[in-house]
């Protein structure tokens, strides 16, 4: 009875460890602009036609559909002319971790227009031109260096695009030595339980 209790406890330890490792960290502040402004962001470049608006008061027409914010109540309504505006945030993370970077874009197909996603100044991908589309998610990956900057650059000379729900999350936390030891203990216990059951069935 004691042996079975030990094995069950070890197995539960592995399950608990797995759920802890699967959790993700979100590095951006105010990624969905729910403060109603650019709190947490650094806005540079052509800022003349860049606003955070309430999606219920200023709905966006993209993809032939009138829509509010992609998440929450607020989104960025942007249309810099001739040059780009840039939103950026710098944050500390874990060196070597894999980061998932995403953001949502909507547009009415007007040109010239673009939205560019950057990580430490290097372009991850661009939407150029922004098509006539409803809210569409763009997802990229990057390797953390310990201190990184996410940026999104954008312009729309003849109309406006919508931006919302930016996220940078850590999906590859590296287990600590203690976690590895606990995991090995759990697997050893499960293996011993299988051996014990096989031996009992033979007897």
N, C-alpha and C. Protein backbone atom coordinates (compact mmCIF):
# COMPACT_ATOMS: atom_id res chain seq x y z
N UNK A 1 0.84 -1.21 0.00
CA UNK A 1 0.00 0.00 0.00
C UNK A 1 0.87 1.25 0.00
N UNK A 2 1.95 1.20 0.80
CA UNK A 2 2.86 2.35 0.87
C UNK A 2 3.49 2.60 -0.50
N UNK A 3 3.86 1.48 -1.20
CA UNK A 3 4.50 1.59 -2.50
C UNK A 3 3.57 2.25 -3.51
N UNK A 4 2.32 1.85 -3.52
CA UNK A 4 1.35 2.44 -4.45
C UNK A 4 1.16 3.93 -4.16
N UNK A 5 1.12 4.29 -2.90
CA UNK A 5 0.94 5.71 -2.54
C UNK A 5 2.11 6.53 -3.02
N UNK A 6 3.33 5.96 -2.90
CA UNK A 6 4.53 6.66 -3.35
C UNK A 6 4.47 6.91 -4.86
N UNK A 7 4.10 5.87 -5.61
CA UNK A 7 4.05 5.98 -7.06
C UNK A 7 3.01 6.99 -7.50
N UNK A 8 1.83 6.98 -6.89
CA UNK A 8 0.78 7.95 -7.23
C UNK A 8 1.25 9.36 -6.94
N UNK A 9 1.91 9.55 -5.79
CA UNK A 9 2.40 10.89 -5.43
C UNK A 9 3.44 11.37 -6.44
N UNK A 10 4.33 10.45 -6.88
CA UNK A 10 5.35 10.81 -7.86
C UNK A 10 4.71 11.19 -9.19
N UNK A 11 3.69 10.41 -9.60
CA UNK A 11 2.99 10.73 -10.84
C UNK A 11 2.31 12.07 -10.79
N UNK A 12 1.67 12.40 -9.67
CA UNK A 12 1.02 13.70 -9.52
C UNK A 12 2.05 14.82 -9.54
N UNK A 13 3.25 14.55 -9.02
CA UNK A 13 4.30 15.57 -9.05
C UNK A 13 4.68 15.90 -10.48
N UNK A 14 4.74 14.89 -11.36
CA UNK A 14 5.06 15.13 -12.77
C UNK A 14 3.98 15.97 -13.42
N UNK A 15 2.69 15.65 -13.14
CA UNK A 15 1.59 16.42 -13.71
C UNK A 15 1.65 17.87 -13.25
N UNK A 16 1.91 18.09 -11.97
CA UNK A 16 1.98 19.45 -11.43
C UNK A 16 3.14 20.21 -12.06
N UNK A 17 4.29 19.52 -12.21
CA UNK A 17 5.45 20.15 -12.83
C UNK A 17 5.14 20.55 -14.26
N UNK A 18 4.47 19.67 -15.01
CA UNK A 18 4.15 19.96 -16.40
C UNK A 18 3.27 21.16 -16.54
N UNK A 19 2.27 21.31 -15.66
CA UNK A 19 1.37 22.45 -15.75
C UNK A 19 2.08 23.75 -15.44
N UNK A 20 3.10 23.69 -14.57
CA UNK A 20 3.86 24.89 -14.25
C UNK A 20 4.71 25.33 -15.43
N UNK A 21 5.36 24.36 -16.09
CA UNK A 21 6.23 24.69 -17.22
C UNK A 21 5.44 25.21 -18.41
N UNK A 22 4.16 24.81 -18.54
CA UNK A 22 3.37 25.19 -19.70
C UNK A 22 2.87 26.63 -19.64
N UNK A 23 2.95 27.25 -18.45
CA UNK A 23 2.44 28.60 -18.30
C UNK A 23 3.30 29.58 -19.10
N UNK A 24 2.68 30.64 -19.64
CA UNK A 24 3.40 31.61 -20.46
C UNK A 24 3.45 32.96 -19.75
N UNK A 25 4.52 33.71 -20.02
CA UNK A 25 4.68 35.05 -19.45
C UNK A 25 4.38 36.08 -20.53
N UNK A 26 3.61 37.09 -20.19
CA UNK A 26 3.28 38.18 -21.10
C UNK A 26 4.16 39.37 -20.76
N UNK A 27 4.92 39.87 -21.74
CA UNK A 27 5.91 40.91 -21.49
C UNK A 27 5.43 42.33 -21.81
N UNK A 28 4.39 42.48 -22.62
CA UNK A 28 3.95 43.81 -22.99
C UNK A 28 2.93 44.36 -22.01
N UNK A 29 3.08 45.63 -21.69
CA UNK A 29 2.09 46.33 -20.87
C UNK A 29 1.09 47.02 -21.78
N UNK A 30 -0.20 46.95 -21.43
CA UNK A 30 -1.23 47.65 -22.18
C UNK A 30 -1.25 47.23 -23.65
N UNK A 31 -1.08 45.91 -23.90
CA UNK A 31 -1.01 45.43 -25.27
C UNK A 31 -2.29 45.64 -26.06
N UNK A 32 -3.44 45.77 -25.36
CA UNK A 32 -4.73 45.99 -26.04
C UNK A 32 -5.23 47.42 -25.86
N UNK A 33 -4.38 48.29 -25.30
CA UNK A 33 -4.67 49.73 -25.19
C UNK A 33 -5.93 50.01 -24.35
N UNK A 34 -6.17 49.14 -23.36
CA UNK A 34 -7.39 49.30 -22.56
C UNK A 34 -7.30 50.44 -21.56
N UNK A 35 -6.16 51.11 -21.46
CA UNK A 35 -6.08 52.35 -20.67
C UNK A 35 -6.72 53.51 -21.43
N UNK A 36 -7.02 53.29 -22.72
CA UNK A 36 -7.59 54.36 -23.53
C UNK A 36 -6.54 55.30 -24.09
N UNK A 37 -5.25 54.96 -23.91
CA UNK A 37 -4.16 55.78 -24.42
C UNK A 37 -2.94 54.89 -24.66
N UNK A 38 -1.77 55.51 -24.85
CA UNK A 38 -0.56 54.75 -25.15
C UNK A 38 0.29 54.47 -23.92
N UNK A 39 -0.30 54.39 -22.76
CA UNK A 39 0.43 54.07 -21.54
C UNK A 39 1.23 52.78 -21.73
N UNK A 40 2.50 52.80 -21.37
CA UNK A 40 3.37 51.65 -21.50
C UNK A 40 4.11 51.58 -22.82
N UNK A 41 3.67 52.37 -23.80
CA UNK A 41 4.28 52.36 -25.12
C UNK A 41 5.11 53.62 -25.35
N UNK A 42 6.09 53.52 -26.23
CA UNK A 42 6.86 54.67 -26.69
C UNK A 42 6.44 54.94 -28.13
N UNK A 43 5.83 56.09 -28.39
CA UNK A 43 5.35 56.45 -29.72
C UNK A 43 6.31 57.46 -30.34
N UNK A 44 6.90 57.10 -31.49
CA UNK A 44 7.84 57.98 -32.18
C UNK A 44 7.46 58.07 -33.66
N UNK A 45 8.21 58.87 -34.41
CA UNK A 45 7.95 59.02 -35.84
C UNK A 45 6.80 59.97 -36.10
N UNK A 46 6.07 59.75 -37.19
CA UNK A 46 4.97 60.62 -37.61
C UNK A 46 3.73 60.32 -36.75
N UNK A 47 3.50 61.13 -35.75
CA UNK A 47 2.43 60.89 -34.78
C UNK A 47 1.15 61.67 -35.08
N UNK A 48 1.10 62.35 -36.24
CA UNK A 48 0.01 63.27 -36.51
C UNK A 48 -1.38 62.65 -36.57
N UNK A 49 -1.48 61.43 -37.09
CA UNK A 49 -2.79 60.80 -37.25
C UNK A 49 -2.79 59.42 -36.61
N UNK A 50 -2.45 59.38 -35.34
CA UNK A 50 -2.40 58.13 -34.58
C UNK A 50 -3.18 58.32 -33.29
N UNK A 51 -4.23 57.52 -33.10
CA UNK A 51 -5.11 57.70 -31.94
C UNK A 51 -5.46 56.34 -31.32
N UNK A 52 -5.74 56.36 -30.03
CA UNK A 52 -6.42 55.23 -29.39
C UNK A 52 -7.88 55.62 -29.28
N UNK A 53 -8.76 54.80 -29.85
CA UNK A 53 -10.18 55.16 -29.90
C UNK A 53 -11.04 54.06 -29.28
N UNK A 54 -12.22 54.44 -28.85
CA UNK A 54 -13.21 53.50 -28.32
C UNK A 54 -13.91 52.83 -29.50
N UNK A 55 -13.82 51.51 -29.59
CA UNK A 55 -14.39 50.79 -30.72
C UNK A 55 -15.89 50.90 -30.84
N UNK A 56 -16.57 51.18 -29.73
CA UNK A 56 -18.02 51.34 -29.80
C UNK A 56 -18.40 52.70 -30.35
N UNK A 57 -17.55 53.70 -30.14
CA UNK A 57 -17.82 55.06 -30.63
C UNK A 57 -17.25 55.27 -32.02
N UNK A 58 -16.11 54.63 -32.31
CA UNK A 58 -15.46 54.77 -33.62
C UNK A 58 -15.21 53.36 -34.16
N UNK A 59 -16.24 52.67 -34.63
CA UNK A 59 -16.05 51.32 -35.18
C UNK A 59 -15.29 51.38 -36.50
N UNK A 60 -14.53 50.33 -36.78
CA UNK A 60 -13.75 50.29 -38.01
C UNK A 60 -14.48 49.45 -39.05
N UNK A 61 -14.45 49.92 -40.31
CA UNK A 61 -15.04 49.15 -41.41
C UNK A 61 -13.91 48.51 -42.19
N UNK A 62 -13.70 47.22 -41.97
CA UNK A 62 -12.66 46.46 -42.66
C UNK A 62 -13.24 45.14 -43.13
N UNK A 63 -12.91 44.70 -44.33
CA UNK A 63 -13.47 43.47 -44.86
C UNK A 63 -14.97 43.57 -45.07
N UNK A 64 -15.45 44.81 -45.29
CA UNK A 64 -16.87 45.01 -45.52
C UNK A 64 -17.74 44.87 -44.29
N UNK A 65 -17.09 44.81 -43.11
CA UNK A 65 -17.83 44.62 -41.86
C UNK A 65 -17.49 45.75 -40.90
N UNK A 66 -18.51 46.31 -40.26
CA UNK A 66 -18.28 47.31 -39.22
C UNK A 66 -17.99 46.58 -37.92
N UNK A 67 -16.86 46.89 -37.31
CA UNK A 67 -16.41 46.15 -36.13
C UNK A 67 -15.80 47.07 -35.09
N UNK A 68 -15.84 46.64 -33.84
CA UNK A 68 -15.22 47.38 -32.75
C UNK A 68 -13.79 46.91 -32.56
N UNK A 69 -13.27 47.07 -31.35
CA UNK A 69 -11.91 46.63 -31.05
C UNK A 69 -11.81 45.11 -31.19
N UNK A 70 -10.59 44.63 -31.46
CA UNK A 70 -10.42 43.18 -31.56
C UNK A 70 -10.53 42.54 -30.18
N UNK A 71 -9.98 43.22 -29.17
CA UNK A 71 -10.09 42.74 -27.78
C UNK A 71 -10.39 43.92 -26.88
N UNK A 72 -11.33 43.75 -25.97
CA UNK A 72 -11.66 44.84 -25.06
C UNK A 72 -12.45 45.93 -25.77
N UNK A 73 -12.22 47.18 -25.34
CA UNK A 73 -13.00 48.30 -25.87
C UNK A 73 -12.22 49.21 -26.80
N UNK A 74 -10.89 49.25 -26.67
CA UNK A 74 -10.10 50.24 -27.40
C UNK A 74 -9.17 49.60 -28.43
N UNK A 75 -8.83 50.38 -29.45
CA UNK A 75 -7.83 49.95 -30.44
C UNK A 75 -7.13 51.18 -31.01
N UNK A 76 -6.06 50.94 -31.77
CA UNK A 76 -5.32 52.05 -32.40
C UNK A 76 -5.88 52.31 -33.79
N UNK A 77 -6.26 53.55 -34.03
CA UNK A 77 -6.78 54.02 -35.31
C UNK A 77 -5.68 54.88 -35.91
N UNK A 78 -5.03 54.39 -37.00
CA UNK A 78 -3.80 55.07 -37.44
C UNK A 78 -3.78 55.32 -38.94
N UNK A 79 -3.20 56.47 -39.30
CA UNK A 79 -3.08 56.82 -40.72
C UNK A 79 -2.00 57.85 -40.98
N UNK A 80 -0.76 57.64 -40.48
CA UNK A 80 0.32 58.58 -40.79
C UNK A 80 0.54 58.69 -42.30
N UNK A 81 0.82 59.90 -42.76
CA UNK A 81 0.97 60.16 -44.20
C UNK A 81 2.43 60.41 -44.55
N UNK A 82 2.95 59.65 -45.51
CA UNK A 82 4.28 59.91 -46.04
C UNK A 82 5.42 59.25 -45.28
N UNK A 83 5.25 58.99 -44.02
CA UNK A 83 6.28 58.32 -43.22
C UNK A 83 5.60 57.58 -42.08
N UNK A 84 6.34 56.66 -41.48
CA UNK A 84 5.76 55.78 -40.48
C UNK A 84 5.78 56.35 -39.07
N UNK A 85 4.80 55.93 -38.28
CA UNK A 85 4.85 56.08 -36.84
C UNK A 85 5.32 54.74 -36.28
N UNK A 86 5.92 54.75 -35.09
CA UNK A 86 6.45 53.53 -34.49
C UNK A 86 6.02 53.45 -33.04
N UNK A 87 5.40 52.32 -32.67
CA UNK A 87 5.09 52.01 -31.28
C UNK A 87 6.08 50.96 -30.82
N UNK A 88 6.65 51.15 -29.63
CA UNK A 88 7.64 50.17 -29.16
C UNK A 88 7.59 50.03 -27.64
N UNK A 89 8.05 48.87 -27.18
CA UNK A 89 8.23 48.59 -25.76
C UNK A 89 9.50 47.77 -25.58
N UNK A 90 10.25 48.07 -24.52
CA UNK A 90 11.44 47.31 -24.17
C UNK A 90 11.18 46.58 -22.86
N UNK A 91 11.64 45.33 -22.75
CA UNK A 91 11.33 44.51 -21.58
C UNK A 91 12.47 43.53 -21.32
N UNK A 92 12.55 43.07 -20.08
CA UNK A 92 13.52 42.04 -19.69
C UNK A 92 12.88 40.67 -19.85
N UNK A 93 13.66 39.71 -20.32
CA UNK A 93 13.15 38.34 -20.48
C UNK A 93 14.28 37.36 -20.18
N UNK A 94 14.08 36.10 -20.50
CA UNK A 94 15.06 35.05 -20.21
C UNK A 94 15.87 34.74 -21.45
N UNK A 95 17.18 34.86 -21.35
CA UNK A 95 18.07 34.61 -22.49
C UNK A 95 17.83 33.21 -23.05
N UNK A 96 17.66 33.13 -24.35
CA UNK A 96 17.50 31.84 -25.02
C UNK A 96 16.08 31.34 -25.11
N UNK A 97 15.15 31.99 -24.42
CA UNK A 97 13.75 31.54 -24.48
C UNK A 97 13.15 31.87 -25.84
N UNK A 98 12.24 31.03 -26.29
CA UNK A 98 11.51 31.30 -27.54
C UNK A 98 10.30 32.17 -27.24
N UNK A 99 10.20 33.29 -27.91
CA UNK A 99 9.09 34.22 -27.72
C UNK A 99 8.11 34.12 -28.87
N UNK A 100 6.83 34.14 -28.54
CA UNK A 100 5.79 34.24 -29.56
C UNK A 100 5.31 35.69 -29.60
N UNK A 101 5.35 36.29 -30.76
CA UNK A 101 5.00 37.69 -30.96
C UNK A 101 3.79 37.76 -31.88
N UNK A 102 2.76 38.49 -31.46
CA UNK A 102 1.56 38.55 -32.30
C UNK A 102 0.89 39.91 -32.20
N UNK A 103 0.07 40.20 -33.20
CA UNK A 103 -0.70 41.43 -33.22
C UNK A 103 -1.82 41.30 -34.24
N UNK A 104 -2.84 42.12 -34.11
CA UNK A 104 -4.01 42.07 -34.99
C UNK A 104 -4.09 43.35 -35.80
N UNK A 105 -4.44 43.19 -37.09
CA UNK A 105 -4.50 44.33 -38.02
C UNK A 105 -5.80 44.25 -38.81
N UNK A 106 -6.45 45.39 -38.99
CA UNK A 106 -7.59 45.47 -39.89
C UNK A 106 -7.38 46.66 -40.83
N UNK A 107 -7.96 46.60 -42.04
CA UNK A 107 -7.76 47.66 -43.01
C UNK A 107 -8.88 47.70 -44.03
N UNK A 108 -8.89 48.77 -44.83
CA UNK A 108 -9.92 48.89 -45.86
C UNK A 108 -9.36 48.77 -47.27
N UNK A 109 -8.08 48.38 -47.37
CA UNK A 109 -7.49 48.14 -48.69
C UNK A 109 -6.90 49.36 -49.35
N UNK A 110 -6.93 50.51 -48.70
CA UNK A 110 -6.38 51.72 -49.32
C UNK A 110 -4.85 51.63 -49.37
N UNK A 111 -4.26 52.28 -50.41
CA UNK A 111 -2.81 52.23 -50.60
C UNK A 111 -2.28 53.63 -50.86
N UNK A 112 -0.99 53.88 -50.60
CA UNK A 112 -0.03 52.98 -49.96
C UNK A 112 -0.27 52.87 -48.45
N UNK A 113 -0.04 51.68 -47.92
CA UNK A 113 -0.17 51.45 -46.48
C UNK A 113 0.68 50.26 -46.09
N UNK A 114 1.13 50.23 -44.86
CA UNK A 114 1.89 49.08 -44.38
C UNK A 114 1.85 49.02 -42.86
N UNK A 115 2.07 47.80 -42.35
CA UNK A 115 2.29 47.57 -40.93
C UNK A 115 3.46 46.61 -40.85
N UNK A 116 4.50 46.99 -40.11
CA UNK A 116 5.70 46.16 -40.00
C UNK A 116 5.95 45.78 -38.54
N UNK A 117 6.24 44.50 -38.31
CA UNK A 117 6.56 44.00 -36.98
C UNK A 117 8.07 43.85 -36.86
N UNK A 118 8.65 44.41 -35.78
CA UNK A 118 10.10 44.37 -35.61
C UNK A 118 10.48 43.87 -34.22
N UNK A 119 11.64 43.20 -34.16
CA UNK A 119 12.19 42.72 -32.89
C UNK A 119 13.64 43.16 -32.83
N UNK A 120 13.95 44.05 -31.88
CA UNK A 120 15.29 44.64 -31.78
C UNK A 120 15.72 45.29 -33.10
N UNK A 121 14.75 45.93 -33.76
CA UNK A 121 15.04 46.66 -34.99
C UNK A 121 15.07 45.81 -36.24
N UNK A 122 14.95 44.50 -36.09
CA UNK A 122 14.96 43.59 -37.24
C UNK A 122 13.53 43.23 -37.62
N UNK A 123 13.19 43.39 -38.89
CA UNK A 123 11.82 43.14 -39.33
C UNK A 123 11.50 41.65 -39.30
N UNK A 124 10.42 41.32 -38.59
CA UNK A 124 9.93 39.94 -38.53
C UNK A 124 9.01 39.64 -39.70
N UNK A 125 8.25 40.63 -40.12
CA UNK A 125 7.31 40.46 -41.21
C UNK A 125 6.57 41.76 -41.45
N UNK A 126 5.99 41.90 -42.64
CA UNK A 126 5.29 43.13 -42.99
C UNK A 126 3.98 42.81 -43.69
N UNK A 127 2.99 43.65 -43.46
CA UNK A 127 1.72 43.60 -44.18
C UNK A 127 1.74 44.82 -45.10
N UNK A 128 2.04 44.59 -46.37
CA UNK A 128 2.28 45.70 -47.29
C UNK A 128 1.86 45.33 -48.71
N UNK A 129 0.75 45.92 -49.19
CA UNK A 129 -0.13 46.84 -48.46
C UNK A 129 -1.08 46.08 -47.54
N UNK A 130 -1.70 46.81 -46.63
CA UNK A 130 -2.71 46.20 -45.76
C UNK A 130 -3.97 45.99 -46.60
N UNK A 131 -4.43 44.74 -46.71
CA UNK A 131 -5.60 44.48 -47.56
C UNK A 131 -6.91 44.91 -46.91
N UNK A 132 -7.98 44.83 -47.67
CA UNK A 132 -9.31 45.07 -47.13
C UNK A 132 -9.68 43.82 -46.33
N UNK A 133 -9.55 43.88 -45.01
CA UNK A 133 -9.72 42.69 -44.19
C UNK A 133 -10.31 43.02 -42.83
N UNK A 134 -11.01 42.05 -42.28
CA UNK A 134 -11.44 42.14 -40.89
C UNK A 134 -10.21 41.90 -40.01
N UNK A 135 -10.39 41.95 -38.69
CA UNK A 135 -9.27 41.74 -37.78
C UNK A 135 -8.56 40.42 -38.13
N UNK A 136 -7.27 40.51 -38.40
CA UNK A 136 -6.46 39.36 -38.78
C UNK A 136 -5.21 39.32 -37.91
N UNK A 137 -4.91 38.13 -37.36
CA UNK A 137 -3.76 37.99 -36.47
C UNK A 137 -2.50 37.62 -37.26
N UNK A 138 -1.38 38.24 -36.89
CA UNK A 138 -0.08 37.93 -37.46
C UNK A 138 0.82 37.45 -36.32
N UNK A 139 1.46 36.30 -36.52
CA UNK A 139 2.23 35.66 -35.45
C UNK A 139 3.65 35.37 -35.92
N UNK A 140 4.63 35.65 -35.05
CA UNK A 140 6.04 35.44 -35.34
C UNK A 140 6.73 34.85 -34.11
N UNK A 141 7.94 34.35 -34.29
CA UNK A 141 8.74 33.88 -33.15
C UNK A 141 10.10 34.56 -33.18
N UNK A 142 10.72 34.67 -32.00
CA UNK A 142 12.05 35.25 -31.89
C UNK A 142 12.71 34.65 -30.65
N UNK A 143 14.03 34.74 -30.60
CA UNK A 143 14.79 34.22 -29.46
C UNK A 143 15.16 35.38 -28.55
N UNK A 144 14.83 35.26 -27.28
CA UNK A 144 15.08 36.32 -26.30
C UNK A 144 16.58 36.48 -26.04
N UNK A 145 17.00 37.72 -25.82
CA UNK A 145 18.41 38.01 -25.52
C UNK A 145 18.61 38.46 -24.07
N UNK A 146 17.52 38.59 -23.33
CA UNK A 146 17.60 39.07 -21.94
C UNK A 146 17.04 40.46 -21.78
N UNK A 147 17.17 41.27 -22.82
CA UNK A 147 16.59 42.62 -22.82
C UNK A 147 16.25 42.96 -24.27
N UNK A 148 14.96 43.00 -24.58
CA UNK A 148 14.55 43.10 -25.97
C UNK A 148 13.52 44.20 -26.20
N UNK A 149 13.39 44.61 -27.46
CA UNK A 149 12.43 45.65 -27.84
C UNK A 149 11.53 45.14 -28.97
N UNK A 150 10.23 45.19 -28.72
CA UNK A 150 9.24 44.91 -29.76
C UNK A 150 8.74 46.23 -30.31
N UNK A 151 8.62 46.30 -31.64
CA UNK A 151 8.12 47.52 -32.27
C UNK A 151 7.15 47.17 -33.39
N UNK A 152 6.22 48.09 -33.64
CA UNK A 152 5.36 47.98 -34.81
C UNK A 152 5.37 49.34 -35.49
N UNK A 153 5.73 49.34 -36.79
CA UNK A 153 5.78 50.58 -37.58
C UNK A 153 4.64 50.55 -38.59
N UNK A 154 4.07 51.74 -38.87
CA UNK A 154 2.86 51.73 -39.71
C UNK A 154 2.61 53.09 -40.36
N UNK A 155 1.90 53.05 -41.49
CA UNK A 155 1.41 54.26 -42.13
C UNK A 155 0.27 53.89 -43.07
N UNK A 156 -0.54 54.89 -43.42
CA UNK A 156 -1.61 54.72 -44.41
C UNK A 156 -1.87 56.11 -44.99
N UNK A 157 -1.39 56.35 -46.20
CA UNK A 157 -1.43 57.70 -46.77
C UNK A 157 -2.84 58.21 -47.07
N UNK A 158 -3.76 57.32 -47.43
CA UNK A 158 -5.06 57.77 -47.91
C UNK A 158 -6.23 57.45 -46.98
N UNK A 159 -5.99 56.65 -45.95
CA UNK A 159 -7.09 56.28 -45.05
C UNK A 159 -6.51 55.90 -43.69
N UNK A 160 -7.14 54.97 -43.01
CA UNK A 160 -6.68 54.53 -41.69
C UNK A 160 -6.69 53.01 -41.61
N UNK A 161 -5.79 52.45 -40.80
CA UNK A 161 -5.80 51.05 -40.44
C UNK A 161 -6.10 50.93 -38.95
N UNK A 162 -6.46 49.72 -38.52
CA UNK A 162 -6.68 49.46 -37.11
C UNK A 162 -5.66 48.47 -36.58
N UNK A 163 -5.17 48.71 -35.36
CA UNK A 163 -4.19 47.83 -34.71
C UNK A 163 -4.70 47.51 -33.31
N UNK A 164 -4.48 46.28 -32.86
CA UNK A 164 -4.96 45.92 -31.52
C UNK A 164 -4.29 44.64 -31.02
N UNK A 165 -4.37 44.44 -29.72
CA UNK A 165 -4.03 43.18 -29.05
C UNK A 165 -2.65 42.66 -29.41
N UNK A 166 -1.62 43.47 -29.13
CA UNK A 166 -0.24 43.02 -29.33
C UNK A 166 0.21 42.19 -28.14
N UNK A 167 1.00 41.17 -28.43
CA UNK A 167 1.43 40.26 -27.36
C UNK A 167 2.83 39.75 -27.64
N UNK A 168 3.65 39.70 -26.59
CA UNK A 168 4.94 39.00 -26.63
C UNK A 168 4.94 38.07 -25.43
N UNK A 169 4.97 36.77 -25.68
CA UNK A 169 4.88 35.81 -24.58
C UNK A 169 5.99 34.78 -24.68
N UNK A 170 6.38 34.26 -23.52
CA UNK A 170 7.43 33.26 -23.40
C UNK A 170 6.77 31.89 -23.34
N UNK A 171 7.06 31.04 -24.33
CA UNK A 171 6.42 29.72 -24.35
C UNK A 171 7.40 28.59 -24.13
N UNK A 172 8.66 28.91 -23.79
CA UNK A 172 9.65 27.85 -23.67
C UNK A 172 10.50 28.03 -22.42
N UNK A 173 9.85 28.14 -21.27
CA UNK A 173 10.60 28.24 -20.03
C UNK A 173 11.44 27.00 -19.84
N UNK A 174 12.73 27.16 -19.46
CA UNK A 174 13.64 26.02 -19.29
C UNK A 174 13.52 25.50 -17.87
N UNK A 175 13.24 24.19 -17.68
CA UNK A 175 13.10 23.64 -16.33
C UNK A 175 14.37 23.82 -15.51
N UNK A 176 14.24 24.15 -14.25
CA UNK A 176 15.37 24.25 -13.34
C UNK A 176 15.84 22.86 -12.95
N UNK A 177 17.08 22.71 -12.44
CA UNK A 177 17.60 21.39 -12.05
C UNK A 177 16.67 20.64 -11.09
N UNK A 178 16.07 21.36 -10.15
CA UNK A 178 15.16 20.71 -9.21
C UNK A 178 13.95 20.13 -9.91
N UNK A 179 13.49 20.83 -10.95
CA UNK A 179 12.34 20.34 -11.71
C UNK A 179 12.70 19.07 -12.49
N UNK A 180 13.90 19.06 -13.07
CA UNK A 180 14.34 17.85 -13.77
C UNK A 180 14.39 16.67 -12.81
N UNK A 181 14.93 16.89 -11.60
CA UNK A 181 15.02 15.80 -10.62
C UNK A 181 13.64 15.28 -10.27
N UNK A 182 12.69 16.19 -10.09
CA UNK A 182 11.33 15.78 -9.75
C UNK A 182 10.71 14.99 -10.90
N UNK A 183 10.98 15.42 -12.14
CA UNK A 183 10.43 14.73 -13.29
C UNK A 183 11.00 13.31 -13.38
N UNK A 184 12.32 13.15 -13.16
CA UNK A 184 12.94 11.82 -13.21
C UNK A 184 12.39 10.92 -12.12
N UNK A 185 12.17 11.50 -10.94
CA UNK A 185 11.59 10.73 -9.84
C UNK A 185 10.20 10.23 -10.22
N UNK A 186 9.43 11.07 -10.87
CA UNK A 186 8.08 10.67 -11.28
C UNK A 186 8.10 9.55 -12.29
N UNK A 187 9.00 9.67 -13.29
CA UNK A 187 9.08 8.61 -14.30
C UNK A 187 9.57 7.30 -13.69
N UNK A 188 10.51 7.39 -12.76
CA UNK A 188 11.00 6.18 -12.10
C UNK A 188 9.87 5.50 -11.34
N UNK A 189 9.05 6.31 -10.68
CA UNK A 189 7.93 5.76 -9.92
C UNK A 189 6.92 5.08 -10.83
N UNK A 190 6.63 5.71 -11.99
CA UNK A 190 5.68 5.11 -12.92
C UNK A 190 6.23 3.81 -13.51
N UNK A 191 7.55 3.79 -13.78
CA UNK A 191 8.15 2.56 -14.28
C UNK A 191 8.11 1.44 -13.25
N UNK A 192 8.36 1.81 -12.00
CA UNK A 192 8.31 0.81 -10.93
C UNK A 192 6.91 0.26 -10.76
N UNK A 193 5.90 1.12 -10.92
CA UNK A 193 4.51 0.66 -10.79
C UNK A 193 4.19 -0.35 -11.89
N UNK A 194 4.67 -0.10 -13.10
CA UNK A 194 4.42 -1.04 -14.19
C UNK A 194 5.09 -2.38 -13.90
N UNK A 195 6.34 -2.33 -13.42
CA UNK A 195 7.05 -3.56 -13.08
C UNK A 195 6.30 -4.32 -11.99
N UNK A 196 5.84 -3.58 -10.97
CA UNK A 196 5.13 -4.20 -9.84
C UNK A 196 3.86 -4.89 -10.32
N UNK A 197 3.13 -4.25 -11.23
CA UNK A 197 1.89 -4.83 -11.74
C UNK A 197 2.18 -6.09 -12.58
N UNK A 198 3.22 -6.02 -13.44
CA UNK A 198 3.56 -7.17 -14.25
C UNK A 198 3.98 -8.35 -13.39
N UNK A 199 4.75 -8.08 -12.35
CA UNK A 199 5.20 -9.14 -11.44
C UNK A 199 4.02 -9.76 -10.72
N UNK A 200 3.06 -8.93 -10.30
CA UNK A 200 1.87 -9.44 -9.58
C UNK A 200 1.06 -10.34 -10.49
N UNK A 201 0.91 -9.95 -11.77
CA UNK A 201 0.10 -10.74 -12.69
C UNK A 201 0.75 -12.10 -12.97
N UNK A 202 2.09 -12.12 -13.02
CA UNK A 202 2.80 -13.39 -13.23
C UNK A 202 2.57 -14.33 -12.07
N UNK A 203 2.70 -13.81 -10.83
CA UNK A 203 2.48 -14.62 -9.62
C UNK A 203 1.06 -15.16 -9.59
